[in-house]
Amino acid sequence: MTEHPVPAPKPRACTVCGTRRCPCEHCHRACGLDHTPKLPTGAFPTVDNCNPHCPTEAFLPFLVGLPGMRGASMAIPIAGLRQWSQRLWNGGARRVERQTEFYWPPKAGEINPMFAAGEWKDEPPPADWSTEVDINKLSGALQAELARQFAEREELAAAARPPEVPRAYVTHLTRFDPNEHTVTEVLAHLRTASAAEIARVIALESSGSKRAGILKRYPERG
């Protein structure tokens, strides 16, 4: 029986340009650009930490603090904003011109810096622009609300923790007293005892029971 070689699978055609050997699935040409996402997990998207050549990150810095936003800097979570950025990319948008508007995140000490939307201005924020929250500068009502939320979270965490198992602790060590043991038990104890322990036990035996079966075995200590 003649074996026929299995043909190698043909490369899939690009869903956009239709060619089977598309040099770049994003640019559809030999662009030489790195399209890898750069935004760290949990980080706020900015021009500095987003890759302008990544379709899902290119426009993230400009989708925060949108006009009409009140009480938050993002309209939807980051995962949704990535899809918006991808849609703009697929629509032909690219970051090719110099940036002329800059996002200023809420500064620490504002009335509600945790929930404000920030601002867009014609110049970038200064290097010392702090976005850390100073709880002492918040209003009394907001501080009370934060305290309530922290207390509620702690109660939920405490309820989820498994109950503690009582532990036994040694609070007092009772030293070996030969007068409370038989000759056999005393000799067994002395076989593995240190020199100081042997001297202590024999001294107690000499002043107490004075049993010959013990003292004869350790005459030099009696």
N, C-alpha and C. Protein backbone atom coordinates (compact mmCIF):
# COMPACT_ATOMS: atom_id res chain seq x y z
N MET A 1 0.84 -1.20 0.00
CA MET A 1 0.00 0.00 0.00
C MET A 1 0.88 1.25 0.00
N THR A 2 0.65 2.12 -0.94
CA THR A 2 1.46 3.32 -1.08
C THR A 2 0.97 4.41 -0.13
N GLU A 3 1.92 4.96 0.65
CA GLU A 3 1.56 6.04 1.57
C GLU A 3 1.76 7.38 0.89
N HIS A 4 0.79 8.23 1.05
CA HIS A 4 0.87 9.57 0.47
C HIS A 4 1.13 10.57 1.59
N PRO A 5 2.12 11.43 1.41
CA PRO A 5 2.42 12.43 2.46
C PRO A 5 1.25 13.37 2.70
N VAL A 6 1.05 13.68 3.98
CA VAL A 6 -0.03 14.61 4.34
C VAL A 6 0.42 16.02 4.03
N PRO A 7 -0.33 16.75 3.23
CA PRO A 7 0.09 18.12 2.89
C PRO A 7 0.05 19.04 4.10
N ALA A 8 0.98 19.96 4.15
CA ALA A 8 1.02 20.92 5.27
C ALA A 8 -0.21 21.81 5.21
N PRO A 9 -0.75 22.16 6.38
CA PRO A 9 -1.94 23.02 6.39
C PRO A 9 -1.64 24.40 5.80
N LYS A 10 -2.54 24.89 5.01
CA LYS A 10 -2.36 26.20 4.42
C LYS A 10 -2.62 27.29 5.45
N PRO A 11 -1.81 28.34 5.43
CA PRO A 11 -2.04 29.43 6.39
C PRO A 11 -3.38 30.09 6.16
N ARG A 12 -4.02 30.46 7.26
CA ARG A 12 -5.32 31.12 7.17
C ARG A 12 -5.19 32.50 6.54
N ALA A 13 -6.20 32.86 5.84
CA ALA A 13 -6.21 34.20 5.24
C ALA A 13 -6.54 35.23 6.31
N CYS A 14 -5.93 36.39 6.21
CA CYS A 14 -6.22 37.48 7.14
C CYS A 14 -7.68 37.89 6.99
N THR A 15 -8.36 38.08 8.08
CA THR A 15 -9.80 38.40 8.03
C THR A 15 -10.06 39.80 7.49
N VAL A 16 -9.02 40.63 7.41
CA VAL A 16 -9.21 42.01 6.94
C VAL A 16 -8.73 42.18 5.50
N CYS A 17 -7.46 41.86 5.25
CA CYS A 17 -6.92 42.10 3.91
C CYS A 17 -7.10 40.91 2.98
N GLY A 18 -7.41 39.72 3.53
CA GLY A 18 -7.69 38.56 2.71
C GLY A 18 -6.47 37.78 2.23
N THR A 19 -5.28 38.27 2.48
CA THR A 19 -4.07 37.56 2.04
C THR A 19 -3.73 36.47 3.02
N ARG A 20 -3.04 35.43 2.50
CA ARG A 20 -2.67 34.30 3.34
C ARG A 20 -1.34 34.53 4.05
N ARG A 21 -0.59 35.48 3.65
CA ARG A 21 0.70 35.76 4.27
C ARG A 21 0.75 37.24 4.70
N CYS A 22 -0.22 37.62 5.49
CA CYS A 22 -0.28 39.01 5.96
C CYS A 22 0.91 39.27 6.89
N PRO A 23 1.78 40.25 6.57
CA PRO A 23 2.95 40.49 7.42
C PRO A 23 2.61 40.93 8.84
N CYS A 24 1.47 41.58 9.02
CA CYS A 24 1.05 42.04 10.35
C CYS A 24 -0.47 42.04 10.40
N GLU A 25 -1.03 41.32 11.34
CA GLU A 25 -2.48 41.21 11.41
C GLU A 25 -3.14 42.52 11.82
N HIS A 26 -2.36 43.47 12.33
CA HIS A 26 -2.92 44.76 12.74
C HIS A 26 -2.74 45.83 11.66
N CYS A 27 -1.56 45.88 11.06
CA CYS A 27 -1.28 46.91 10.07
C CYS A 27 -1.42 46.40 8.64
N HIS A 28 -1.37 45.06 8.44
CA HIS A 28 -1.49 44.43 7.13
C HIS A 28 -0.40 44.88 6.16
N ARG A 29 0.78 45.07 6.74
CA ARG A 29 1.98 45.38 5.97
C ARG A 29 3.17 45.10 6.86
N ALA A 30 4.35 45.11 6.32
CA ALA A 30 5.56 44.87 7.11
C ALA A 30 5.89 46.14 7.89
N CYS A 31 5.23 46.30 9.06
CA CYS A 31 5.35 47.55 9.81
C CYS A 31 6.56 47.58 10.73
N GLY A 32 6.98 46.41 11.24
CA GLY A 32 8.10 46.36 12.16
C GLY A 32 7.80 46.92 13.54
N LEU A 33 6.51 47.08 13.88
CA LEU A 33 6.12 47.65 15.17
C LEU A 33 5.80 46.54 16.17
N ASP A 34 5.98 46.85 17.45
CA ASP A 34 5.63 45.93 18.53
C ASP A 34 4.21 46.24 18.99
N HIS A 35 3.30 45.30 18.79
CA HIS A 35 1.90 45.51 19.15
C HIS A 35 1.54 44.86 20.49
N THR A 36 2.54 44.48 21.29
CA THR A 36 2.30 43.78 22.56
C THR A 36 1.70 44.75 23.59
N PRO A 37 0.66 44.34 24.34
CA PRO A 37 0.12 45.19 25.41
C PRO A 37 1.16 45.46 26.49
N LYS A 38 1.20 46.68 27.01
CA LYS A 38 2.19 47.07 28.02
C LYS A 38 1.56 47.48 29.35
N LEU A 39 0.27 47.75 29.38
CA LEU A 39 -0.37 48.28 30.60
C LEU A 39 -0.31 47.24 31.72
N PRO A 40 0.32 47.56 32.86
CA PRO A 40 0.35 46.61 33.98
C PRO A 40 -1.05 46.34 34.52
N THR A 41 -1.23 45.16 35.06
CA THR A 41 -2.53 44.79 35.63
C THR A 41 -2.89 45.69 36.80
N GLY A 42 -4.10 46.24 36.77
CA GLY A 42 -4.57 47.11 37.85
C GLY A 42 -4.10 48.54 37.76
N ALA A 43 -3.27 48.88 36.76
CA ALA A 43 -2.76 50.25 36.64
C ALA A 43 -3.76 51.14 35.91
N PHE A 44 -3.68 52.44 36.21
CA PHE A 44 -4.53 53.42 35.54
C PHE A 44 -3.90 53.73 34.19
N PRO A 45 -4.67 53.69 33.08
CA PRO A 45 -4.08 53.91 31.75
C PRO A 45 -3.62 55.35 31.55
N THR A 46 -2.36 55.50 31.16
CA THR A 46 -1.81 56.81 30.84
C THR A 46 -1.01 56.70 29.53
N VAL A 47 -0.60 57.84 29.01
CA VAL A 47 0.19 57.83 27.78
C VAL A 47 1.52 57.12 28.01
N ASP A 48 2.05 57.18 29.22
CA ASP A 48 3.36 56.60 29.50
C ASP A 48 3.33 55.08 29.64
N ASN A 49 2.21 54.50 30.14
CA ASN A 49 2.22 53.05 30.38
C ASN A 49 1.39 52.25 29.36
N CYS A 50 0.88 52.90 28.31
CA CYS A 50 0.12 52.20 27.26
C CYS A 50 0.93 52.20 25.96
N ASN A 51 0.87 51.10 25.25
CA ASN A 51 1.58 50.97 23.97
C ASN A 51 0.75 51.63 22.86
N PRO A 52 1.26 52.69 22.23
CA PRO A 52 0.48 53.37 21.19
C PRO A 52 0.29 52.53 19.94
N HIS A 53 1.04 51.43 19.82
CA HIS A 53 0.92 50.56 18.65
C HIS A 53 0.08 49.32 18.94
N CYS A 54 -0.45 49.20 20.16
CA CYS A 54 -1.30 48.07 20.52
C CYS A 54 -2.76 48.48 20.31
N PRO A 55 -3.51 47.77 19.49
CA PRO A 55 -4.90 48.19 19.22
C PRO A 55 -5.76 48.31 20.46
N THR A 56 -5.55 47.44 21.46
CA THR A 56 -6.39 47.49 22.65
C THR A 56 -5.91 48.49 23.69
N GLU A 57 -4.76 49.15 23.44
CA GLU A 57 -4.23 50.12 24.40
C GLU A 57 -4.01 51.50 23.79
N ALA A 58 -3.96 51.59 22.48
CA ALA A 58 -3.58 52.85 21.83
C ALA A 58 -4.41 54.04 22.29
N PHE A 59 -5.71 53.82 22.54
CA PHE A 59 -6.58 54.93 22.87
C PHE A 59 -7.11 54.89 24.30
N LEU A 60 -6.61 53.95 25.10
CA LEU A 60 -7.05 53.88 26.50
C LEU A 60 -6.81 55.19 27.26
N PRO A 61 -5.63 55.84 27.10
CA PRO A 61 -5.41 57.08 27.88
C PRO A 61 -6.40 58.18 27.56
N PHE A 62 -7.07 58.10 26.41
CA PHE A 62 -7.98 59.18 25.99
C PHE A 62 -9.45 58.80 26.19
N LEU A 63 -9.67 57.63 26.78
CA LEU A 63 -11.05 57.21 27.06
C LEU A 63 -11.40 57.36 28.53
N VAL A 64 -10.56 58.07 29.29
CA VAL A 64 -10.85 58.37 30.69
C VAL A 64 -11.21 59.84 30.82
N GLY A 65 -12.06 60.15 31.81
CA GLY A 65 -12.48 61.53 32.00
C GLY A 65 -13.18 62.09 30.78
N LEU A 66 -14.04 61.28 30.16
CA LEU A 66 -14.73 61.71 28.95
C LEU A 66 -15.68 62.87 29.24
N PRO A 67 -15.96 63.72 28.25
CA PRO A 67 -16.92 64.82 28.47
C PRO A 67 -18.26 64.30 28.95
N GLY A 68 -18.82 64.97 29.94
CA GLY A 68 -20.10 64.57 30.49
C GLY A 68 -19.99 63.60 31.64
N MET A 69 -18.76 63.11 31.94
CA MET A 69 -18.58 62.16 33.05
C MET A 69 -18.71 62.89 34.37
N ARG A 70 -19.38 62.27 35.32
CA ARG A 70 -19.55 62.82 36.66
C ARG A 70 -19.34 61.71 37.67
N GLY A 71 -18.45 61.93 38.64
CA GLY A 71 -18.29 61.00 39.74
C GLY A 71 -17.38 59.82 39.49
N ALA A 72 -16.75 59.72 38.31
CA ALA A 72 -15.82 58.62 38.04
C ALA A 72 -14.97 59.00 36.84
N SER A 73 -13.77 58.42 36.76
CA SER A 73 -12.88 58.73 35.65
C SER A 73 -13.10 57.80 34.47
N MET A 74 -13.77 56.64 34.69
CA MET A 74 -14.01 55.68 33.62
C MET A 74 -15.49 55.39 33.51
N ALA A 75 -15.97 55.36 32.27
CA ALA A 75 -17.38 55.06 32.05
C ALA A 75 -17.68 53.58 32.28
N ILE A 76 -16.74 52.73 31.91
CA ILE A 76 -16.87 51.28 32.07
C ILE A 76 -15.53 50.72 32.51
N PRO A 77 -15.44 49.47 32.94
CA PRO A 77 -14.16 48.89 33.33
C PRO A 77 -13.14 48.86 32.19
N ILE A 78 -11.87 48.62 32.56
CA ILE A 78 -10.77 48.61 31.60
C ILE A 78 -11.03 47.63 30.46
N ALA A 79 -11.60 46.45 30.79
CA ALA A 79 -11.84 45.45 29.74
C ALA A 79 -12.74 46.01 28.65
N GLY A 80 -13.76 46.79 29.04
CA GLY A 80 -14.63 47.40 28.04
C GLY A 80 -13.93 48.51 27.28
N LEU A 81 -13.10 49.29 27.96
CA LEU A 81 -12.36 50.35 27.28
C LEU A 81 -11.39 49.78 26.26
N ARG A 82 -10.85 48.61 26.53
CA ARG A 82 -9.97 47.95 25.55
C ARG A 82 -10.75 47.65 24.26
N GLN A 83 -11.98 47.22 24.40
CA GLN A 83 -12.79 46.95 23.22
C GLN A 83 -13.09 48.25 22.46
N TRP A 84 -13.30 49.34 23.18
CA TRP A 84 -13.51 50.63 22.52
C TRP A 84 -12.26 51.03 21.73
N SER A 85 -11.09 50.85 22.37
CA SER A 85 -9.84 51.18 21.70
C SER A 85 -9.66 50.33 20.44
N GLN A 86 -9.97 49.04 20.55
CA GLN A 86 -9.88 48.15 19.39
C GLN A 86 -10.82 48.60 18.28
N ARG A 87 -12.01 49.04 18.63
CA ARG A 87 -12.98 49.49 17.62
C ARG A 87 -12.45 50.74 16.89
N LEU A 88 -11.86 51.67 17.65
CA LEU A 88 -11.29 52.86 17.02
C LEU A 88 -10.15 52.48 16.08
N TRP A 89 -9.33 51.52 16.52
CA TRP A 89 -8.22 51.05 15.68
C TRP A 89 -8.76 50.42 14.39
N ASN A 90 -9.74 49.56 14.54
CA ASN A 90 -10.31 48.90 13.37
C ASN A 90 -10.99 49.89 12.44
N GLY A 91 -11.41 51.02 12.99
CA GLY A 91 -12.03 52.06 12.17
C GLY A 91 -11.02 52.92 11.43
N GLY A 92 -9.73 52.65 11.65
CA GLY A 92 -8.69 53.39 10.94
C GLY A 92 -7.99 54.44 11.76
N ALA A 93 -8.39 54.61 13.03
CA ALA A 93 -7.76 55.64 13.85
C ALA A 93 -6.35 55.22 14.25
N ARG A 94 -5.42 56.17 14.24
CA ARG A 94 -4.05 55.93 14.67
C ARG A 94 -3.54 57.18 15.40
N ARG A 95 -2.60 56.97 16.31
CA ARG A 95 -2.00 58.10 17.01
C ARG A 95 -0.79 58.56 16.20
N VAL A 96 -1.01 59.50 15.33
CA VAL A 96 0.05 59.96 14.44
C VAL A 96 0.44 61.42 14.67
N GLU A 97 -0.46 62.20 15.25
CA GLU A 97 -0.17 63.61 15.47
C GLU A 97 0.29 63.84 16.91
N ARG A 98 0.90 64.99 17.13
CA ARG A 98 1.39 65.35 18.46
C ARG A 98 0.20 65.61 19.38
N GLN A 99 0.30 65.13 20.62
CA GLN A 99 -0.78 65.31 21.60
C GLN A 99 -0.88 66.77 22.00
N THR A 100 -2.10 67.31 21.98
CA THR A 100 -2.32 68.71 22.34
C THR A 100 -3.23 68.89 23.54
N GLU A 101 -3.75 67.80 24.08
CA GLU A 101 -4.61 67.86 25.27
C GLU A 101 -4.16 66.77 26.23
N PHE A 102 -4.13 67.09 27.53
CA PHE A 102 -3.54 66.20 28.51
C PHE A 102 -4.49 66.00 29.68
N TYR A 103 -4.49 64.77 30.18
CA TYR A 103 -5.39 64.42 31.29
C TYR A 103 -4.74 64.73 32.63
N TRP A 104 -5.48 65.42 33.48
CA TRP A 104 -5.05 65.72 34.85
C TRP A 104 -5.92 64.90 35.79
N PRO A 105 -5.38 63.83 36.40
CA PRO A 105 -6.20 63.07 37.35
C PRO A 105 -6.54 63.88 38.59
N PRO A 106 -7.58 63.50 39.32
CA PRO A 106 -7.95 64.24 40.55
C PRO A 106 -6.78 64.31 41.51
N LYS A 107 -6.52 65.46 42.04
CA LYS A 107 -5.41 65.64 42.96
C LYS A 107 -5.84 65.37 44.39
N ALA A 108 -4.90 64.84 45.17
CA ALA A 108 -5.17 64.58 46.59
C ALA A 108 -5.56 65.87 47.29
N GLY A 109 -6.59 65.79 48.15
CA GLY A 109 -7.03 66.95 48.89
C GLY A 109 -8.27 67.60 48.32
N GLU A 110 -8.71 67.14 47.11
CA GLU A 110 -9.94 67.68 46.57
C GLU A 110 -11.13 67.16 47.38
N ILE A 111 -12.33 67.71 47.13
CA ILE A 111 -13.50 67.34 47.92
C ILE A 111 -13.75 65.84 47.86
N ASN A 112 -13.65 65.28 46.66
CA ASN A 112 -13.86 63.84 46.52
C ASN A 112 -12.87 63.26 45.50
N PRO A 113 -11.58 63.23 45.82
CA PRO A 113 -10.58 62.79 44.85
C PRO A 113 -10.73 61.33 44.44
N MET A 114 -11.41 60.53 45.26
CA MET A 114 -11.56 59.12 44.92
C MET A 114 -12.60 58.90 43.82
N PHE A 115 -13.52 59.83 43.67
CA PHE A 115 -14.63 59.61 42.77
C PHE A 115 -14.74 60.69 41.68
N ALA A 116 -13.80 61.63 41.63
CA ALA A 116 -13.86 62.68 40.62
C ALA A 116 -13.41 62.14 39.27
N ALA A 117 -13.79 62.85 38.19
CA ALA A 117 -13.48 62.39 36.83
C ALA A 117 -12.17 62.95 36.31
N GLY A 118 -11.58 63.92 36.98
CA GLY A 118 -10.37 64.54 36.48
C GLY A 118 -10.69 65.58 35.41
N GLU A 119 -9.62 66.15 34.83
CA GLU A 119 -9.80 67.20 33.84
C GLU A 119 -8.83 67.01 32.68
N TRP A 120 -9.21 67.57 31.53
CA TRP A 120 -8.33 67.62 30.35
C TRP A 120 -7.93 69.08 30.14
N LYS A 121 -6.60 69.30 29.99
CA LYS A 121 -6.09 70.65 29.83
C LYS A 121 -5.13 70.70 28.65
N ASP A 122 -4.72 71.92 28.31
CA ASP A 122 -3.86 72.13 27.15
C ASP A 122 -2.39 71.88 27.45
N GLU A 123 -2.05 71.55 28.67
CA GLU A 123 -0.66 71.28 29.05
C GLU A 123 -0.63 70.10 30.01
N PRO A 124 0.48 69.36 30.03
CA PRO A 124 0.56 68.19 30.92
C PRO A 124 0.66 68.63 32.37
N PRO A 125 0.23 67.77 33.30
CA PRO A 125 0.34 68.11 34.73
C PRO A 125 1.80 68.16 35.16
N PRO A 126 2.13 68.94 36.17
CA PRO A 126 3.53 69.01 36.64
C PRO A 126 3.98 67.69 37.22
N ALA A 127 5.29 67.55 37.34
CA ALA A 127 5.86 66.29 37.81
C ALA A 127 5.47 65.98 39.25
N ASP A 128 5.21 67.02 40.05
CA ASP A 128 4.87 66.80 41.46
C ASP A 128 3.36 66.69 41.68
N TRP A 129 2.60 66.49 40.62
CA TRP A 129 1.14 66.37 40.74
C TRP A 129 0.82 65.06 41.44
N SER A 130 0.31 65.13 42.66
CA SER A 130 0.06 63.94 43.47
C SER A 130 -1.40 63.52 43.35
N THR A 131 -1.60 62.23 43.13
CA THR A 131 -2.97 61.68 43.06
C THR A 131 -3.29 60.81 44.26
N GLU A 132 -2.37 60.76 45.25
CA GLU A 132 -2.64 59.96 46.44
C GLU A 132 -3.72 60.61 47.30
N VAL A 133 -4.54 59.79 47.90
CA VAL A 133 -5.66 60.29 48.70
C VAL A 133 -5.21 60.55 50.13
N ASP A 134 -5.43 61.77 50.62
CA ASP A 134 -5.19 62.12 52.02
C ASP A 134 -6.54 62.13 52.72
N ILE A 135 -6.81 61.08 53.48
CA ILE A 135 -8.13 60.95 54.10
C ILE A 135 -8.42 62.08 55.08
N ASN A 136 -7.36 62.69 55.64
CA ASN A 136 -7.57 63.78 56.59
C ASN A 136 -8.11 65.04 55.92
N LYS A 137 -7.97 65.13 54.60
CA LYS A 137 -8.44 66.31 53.89
C LYS A 137 -9.82 66.10 53.28
N LEU A 138 -10.40 64.91 53.46
CA LEU A 138 -11.74 64.66 52.94
C LEU A 138 -12.78 65.27 53.87
N SER A 139 -13.96 65.45 53.35
CA SER A 139 -15.05 65.98 54.17
C SER A 139 -15.44 64.98 55.24
N GLY A 140 -16.07 65.47 56.30
CA GLY A 140 -16.48 64.59 57.40
C GLY A 140 -17.44 63.51 56.93
N ALA A 141 -18.36 63.86 56.02
CA ALA A 141 -19.32 62.88 55.54
C ALA A 141 -18.63 61.77 54.75
N LEU A 142 -17.65 62.15 53.94
CA LEU A 142 -16.95 61.14 53.14
C LEU A 142 -16.07 60.27 54.03
N GLN A 143 -15.45 60.86 55.06
CA GLN A 143 -14.66 60.06 55.98
C GLN A 143 -15.53 59.05 56.72
N ALA A 144 -16.72 59.49 57.13
CA ALA A 144 -17.64 58.58 57.82
C ALA A 144 -18.07 57.44 56.90
N GLU A 145 -18.33 57.75 55.63
CA GLU A 145 -18.74 56.71 54.68
C GLU A 145 -17.61 55.71 54.44
N LEU A 146 -16.39 56.21 54.33
CA LEU A 146 -15.24 55.31 54.16
C LEU A 146 -15.08 54.42 55.38
N ALA A 147 -15.22 55.00 56.57
CA ALA A 147 -15.09 54.21 57.80
C ALA A 147 -16.16 53.13 57.86
N ARG A 148 -17.37 53.47 57.43
CA ARG A 148 -18.44 52.46 57.42
C ARG A 148 -18.14 51.33 56.46
N GLN A 149 -17.62 51.66 55.27
CA GLN A 149 -17.31 50.63 54.29
C GLN A 149 -16.17 49.74 54.77
N PHE A 150 -15.14 50.35 55.39
CA PHE A 150 -14.02 49.55 55.90
C PHE A 150 -14.50 48.61 57.01
N ALA A 151 -15.37 49.11 57.90
CA ALA A 151 -15.88 48.28 58.98
C ALA A 151 -16.72 47.12 58.43
N GLU A 152 -17.52 47.42 57.42
CA GLU A 152 -18.35 46.37 56.82
C GLU A 152 -17.49 45.31 56.14
N ARG A 153 -16.44 45.77 55.47
CA ARG A 153 -15.54 44.81 54.81
C ARG A 153 -14.82 43.93 55.83
N GLU A 154 -14.43 44.52 56.96
CA GLU A 154 -13.75 43.76 58.00
C GLU A 154 -14.69 42.73 58.62
N GLU A 155 -15.96 43.10 58.80
CA GLU A 155 -16.93 42.15 59.34
C GLU A 155 -17.13 40.96 58.39
N LEU A 156 -17.20 41.23 57.10
CA LEU A 156 -17.35 40.16 56.12
C LEU A 156 -16.12 39.26 56.10
N ALA A 157 -14.94 39.86 56.21
CA ALA A 157 -13.71 39.07 56.22
C ALA A 157 -13.62 38.21 57.48
N ALA A 158 -14.05 38.77 58.62
CA ALA A 158 -14.02 38.02 59.87
C ALA A 158 -14.99 36.85 59.83
N ALA A 159 -16.16 37.06 59.20
CA ALA A 159 -17.14 35.98 59.10
C ALA A 159 -16.66 34.86 58.19
N ALA A 160 -15.81 35.21 57.21
CA ALA A 160 -15.33 34.20 56.27
C ALA A 160 -14.15 33.41 56.82
N ARG A 161 -13.49 33.95 57.86
CA ARG A 161 -12.34 33.24 58.42
C ARG A 161 -12.80 32.03 59.21
N PRO A 162 -12.07 30.90 59.15
CA PRO A 162 -12.45 29.72 59.93
C PRO A 162 -12.25 29.98 61.42
N PRO A 163 -13.06 29.36 62.27
CA PRO A 163 -12.91 29.58 63.71
C PRO A 163 -11.57 29.07 64.22
N GLU A 164 -11.04 29.77 65.20
CA GLU A 164 -9.75 29.39 65.76
C GLU A 164 -9.92 28.15 66.66
N VAL A 165 -8.98 27.23 66.53
CA VAL A 165 -8.98 26.01 67.34
C VAL A 165 -8.19 26.29 68.62
N PRO A 166 -8.80 26.02 69.80
CA PRO A 166 -8.07 26.26 71.06
C PRO A 166 -6.77 25.45 71.10
N ARG A 167 -5.72 26.08 71.55
CA ARG A 167 -4.43 25.42 71.66
C ARG A 167 -4.04 25.22 73.12
N ALA A 168 -3.33 24.14 73.33
CA ALA A 168 -2.84 23.85 74.68
C ALA A 168 -1.43 24.42 74.83
N TYR A 169 -1.21 25.14 75.91
CA TYR A 169 0.09 25.74 76.18
C TYR A 169 0.64 25.22 77.51
N VAL A 170 1.94 24.99 77.54
CA VAL A 170 2.60 24.57 78.78
C VAL A 170 2.93 25.82 79.57
N THR A 171 2.33 25.95 80.72
CA THR A 171 2.55 27.15 81.55
C THR A 171 3.51 26.90 82.71
N HIS A 172 3.73 25.61 83.05
CA HIS A 172 4.63 25.31 84.16
C HIS A 172 5.26 23.94 83.94
N LEU A 173 6.57 23.90 84.01
CA LEU A 173 7.30 22.65 83.84
C LEU A 173 7.60 22.05 85.22
N THR A 174 7.15 20.81 85.45
CA THR A 174 7.40 20.12 86.72
C THR A 174 8.67 19.30 86.58
N ARG A 175 9.65 19.57 87.43
CA ARG A 175 10.92 18.84 87.35
C ARG A 175 10.77 17.47 88.01
N PHE A 176 11.58 16.56 87.55
CA PHE A 176 11.52 15.16 88.01
C PHE A 176 11.89 15.09 89.49
N ASP A 177 10.99 14.47 90.29
CA ASP A 177 11.22 14.30 91.72
C ASP A 177 11.33 12.81 92.00
N PRO A 178 12.52 12.32 92.38
CA PRO A 178 12.69 10.87 92.60
C PRO A 178 11.81 10.32 93.71
N ASN A 179 11.44 11.16 94.68
CA ASN A 179 10.62 10.68 95.79
C ASN A 179 9.20 10.31 95.37
N GLU A 180 8.81 10.70 94.14
CA GLU A 180 7.47 10.39 93.64
C GLU A 180 7.48 9.23 92.64
N HIS A 181 8.66 8.57 92.51
CA HIS A 181 8.78 7.49 91.53
C HIS A 181 9.44 6.27 92.15
N THR A 182 9.24 5.13 91.49
CA THR A 182 9.86 3.88 91.96
C THR A 182 11.33 3.89 91.60
N VAL A 183 12.07 2.91 92.19
CA VAL A 183 13.51 2.80 91.91
C VAL A 183 13.74 2.58 90.41
N THR A 184 12.94 1.71 89.81
CA THR A 184 13.10 1.43 88.37
C THR A 184 12.89 2.68 87.54
N GLU A 185 11.89 3.49 87.87
CA GLU A 185 11.61 4.71 87.11
C GLU A 185 12.72 5.74 87.29
N VAL A 186 13.26 5.82 88.51
CA VAL A 186 14.35 6.78 88.75
C VAL A 186 15.59 6.38 87.96
N LEU A 187 15.94 5.09 87.98
CA LEU A 187 17.13 4.63 87.25
C LEU A 187 16.96 4.83 85.74
N ALA A 188 15.75 4.60 85.24
CA ALA A 188 15.50 4.81 83.81
C ALA A 188 15.66 6.28 83.45
N HIS A 189 15.22 7.17 84.34
CA HIS A 189 15.36 8.60 84.09
C HIS A 189 16.83 9.02 84.10
N LEU A 190 17.62 8.45 85.01
CA LEU A 190 19.02 8.85 85.14
C LEU A 190 19.88 8.36 83.98
N ARG A 191 19.46 7.28 83.29
CA ARG A 191 20.27 6.75 82.19
C ARG A 191 20.43 7.76 81.05
N THR A 192 19.44 8.58 80.83
CA THR A 192 19.50 9.55 79.72
C THR A 192 19.62 10.99 80.21
N ALA A 193 19.83 11.19 81.51
CA ALA A 193 19.89 12.54 82.06
C ALA A 193 21.30 13.12 81.93
N SER A 194 21.38 14.44 81.96
CA SER A 194 22.67 15.12 81.94
C SER A 194 23.34 14.99 83.30
N ALA A 195 24.63 15.37 83.35
CA ALA A 195 25.37 15.28 84.61
C ALA A 195 24.75 16.17 85.68
N ALA A 196 24.27 17.36 85.27
CA ALA A 196 23.66 18.27 86.23
C ALA A 196 22.33 17.71 86.74
N GLU A 197 21.57 17.06 85.86
CA GLU A 197 20.30 16.48 86.28
C GLU A 197 20.53 15.28 87.22
N ILE A 198 21.56 14.50 86.91
CA ILE A 198 21.87 13.35 87.80
C ILE A 198 22.24 13.85 89.19
N ALA A 199 23.07 14.89 89.25
CA ALA A 199 23.47 15.43 90.55
C ALA A 199 22.27 15.96 91.32
N ARG A 200 21.34 16.61 90.62
CA ARG A 200 20.15 17.16 91.29
C ARG A 200 19.27 16.04 91.82
N VAL A 201 19.03 14.99 91.01
CA VAL A 201 18.15 13.90 91.43
C VAL A 201 18.76 13.12 92.59
N ILE A 202 20.06 12.85 92.51
CA ILE A 202 20.72 12.10 93.60
C ILE A 202 20.70 12.91 94.90
N ALA A 203 20.84 14.24 94.78
CA ALA A 203 20.79 15.08 95.98
C ALA A 203 19.41 15.00 96.63
N LEU A 204 18.36 15.00 95.82
CA LEU A 204 17.00 14.87 96.36
C LEU A 204 16.80 13.49 96.98
N GLU A 205 17.33 12.47 96.32
CA GLU A 205 17.19 11.11 96.84
C GLU A 205 17.94 10.95 98.16
N SER A 206 19.13 11.55 98.25
CA SER A 206 19.94 11.44 99.47
C SER A 206 19.28 12.12 100.65
N SER A 207 18.55 13.21 100.40
CA SER A 207 17.89 13.93 101.48
C SER A 207 16.46 13.46 101.70
N GLY A 208 16.02 12.55 100.84
CA GLY A 208 14.64 12.11 100.95
C GLY A 208 14.53 10.63 101.26
N SER A 209 14.20 9.84 100.24
CA SER A 209 13.94 8.41 100.43
C SER A 209 15.20 7.61 100.81
N LYS A 210 16.37 8.01 100.31
CA LYS A 210 17.65 7.34 100.61
C LYS A 210 17.60 5.85 100.28
N ARG A 211 17.14 5.52 99.09
CA ARG A 211 17.04 4.11 98.70
C ARG A 211 18.38 3.63 98.19
N ALA A 212 18.81 2.51 98.76
CA ALA A 212 20.13 1.96 98.44
C ALA A 212 20.23 1.54 96.98
N GLY A 213 19.13 1.07 96.42
CA GLY A 213 19.16 0.64 95.02
C GLY A 213 19.52 1.77 94.05
N ILE A 214 19.34 2.99 94.49
CA ILE A 214 19.69 4.14 93.64
C ILE A 214 21.04 4.70 94.04
N LEU A 215 21.25 4.90 95.34
CA LEU A 215 22.47 5.56 95.81
C LEU A 215 23.70 4.71 95.56
N LYS A 216 23.57 3.33 95.61
CA LYS A 216 24.73 2.47 95.36
C LYS A 216 25.22 2.57 93.92
N ARG A 217 24.31 2.89 92.99
CA ARG A 217 24.71 3.00 91.59
C ARG A 217 25.41 4.33 91.29
N TYR A 218 25.20 5.33 92.15
CA TYR A 218 25.85 6.62 91.97
C TYR A 218 26.48 7.06 93.28
N PRO A 219 27.46 6.26 93.77
CA PRO A 219 28.04 6.58 95.09
C PRO A 219 28.81 7.89 95.10
N GLU A 220 29.42 8.24 93.95
CA GLU A 220 30.23 9.45 93.92
C GLU A 220 29.39 10.71 94.01
N ARG A 221 28.08 10.57 93.80
CA ARG A 221 27.21 11.74 93.85
C ARG A 221 26.33 11.74 95.10
N GLY A 222 26.38 10.68 95.87
CA GLY A 222 25.52 10.59 97.03
C GLY A 222 26.03 11.35 98.25
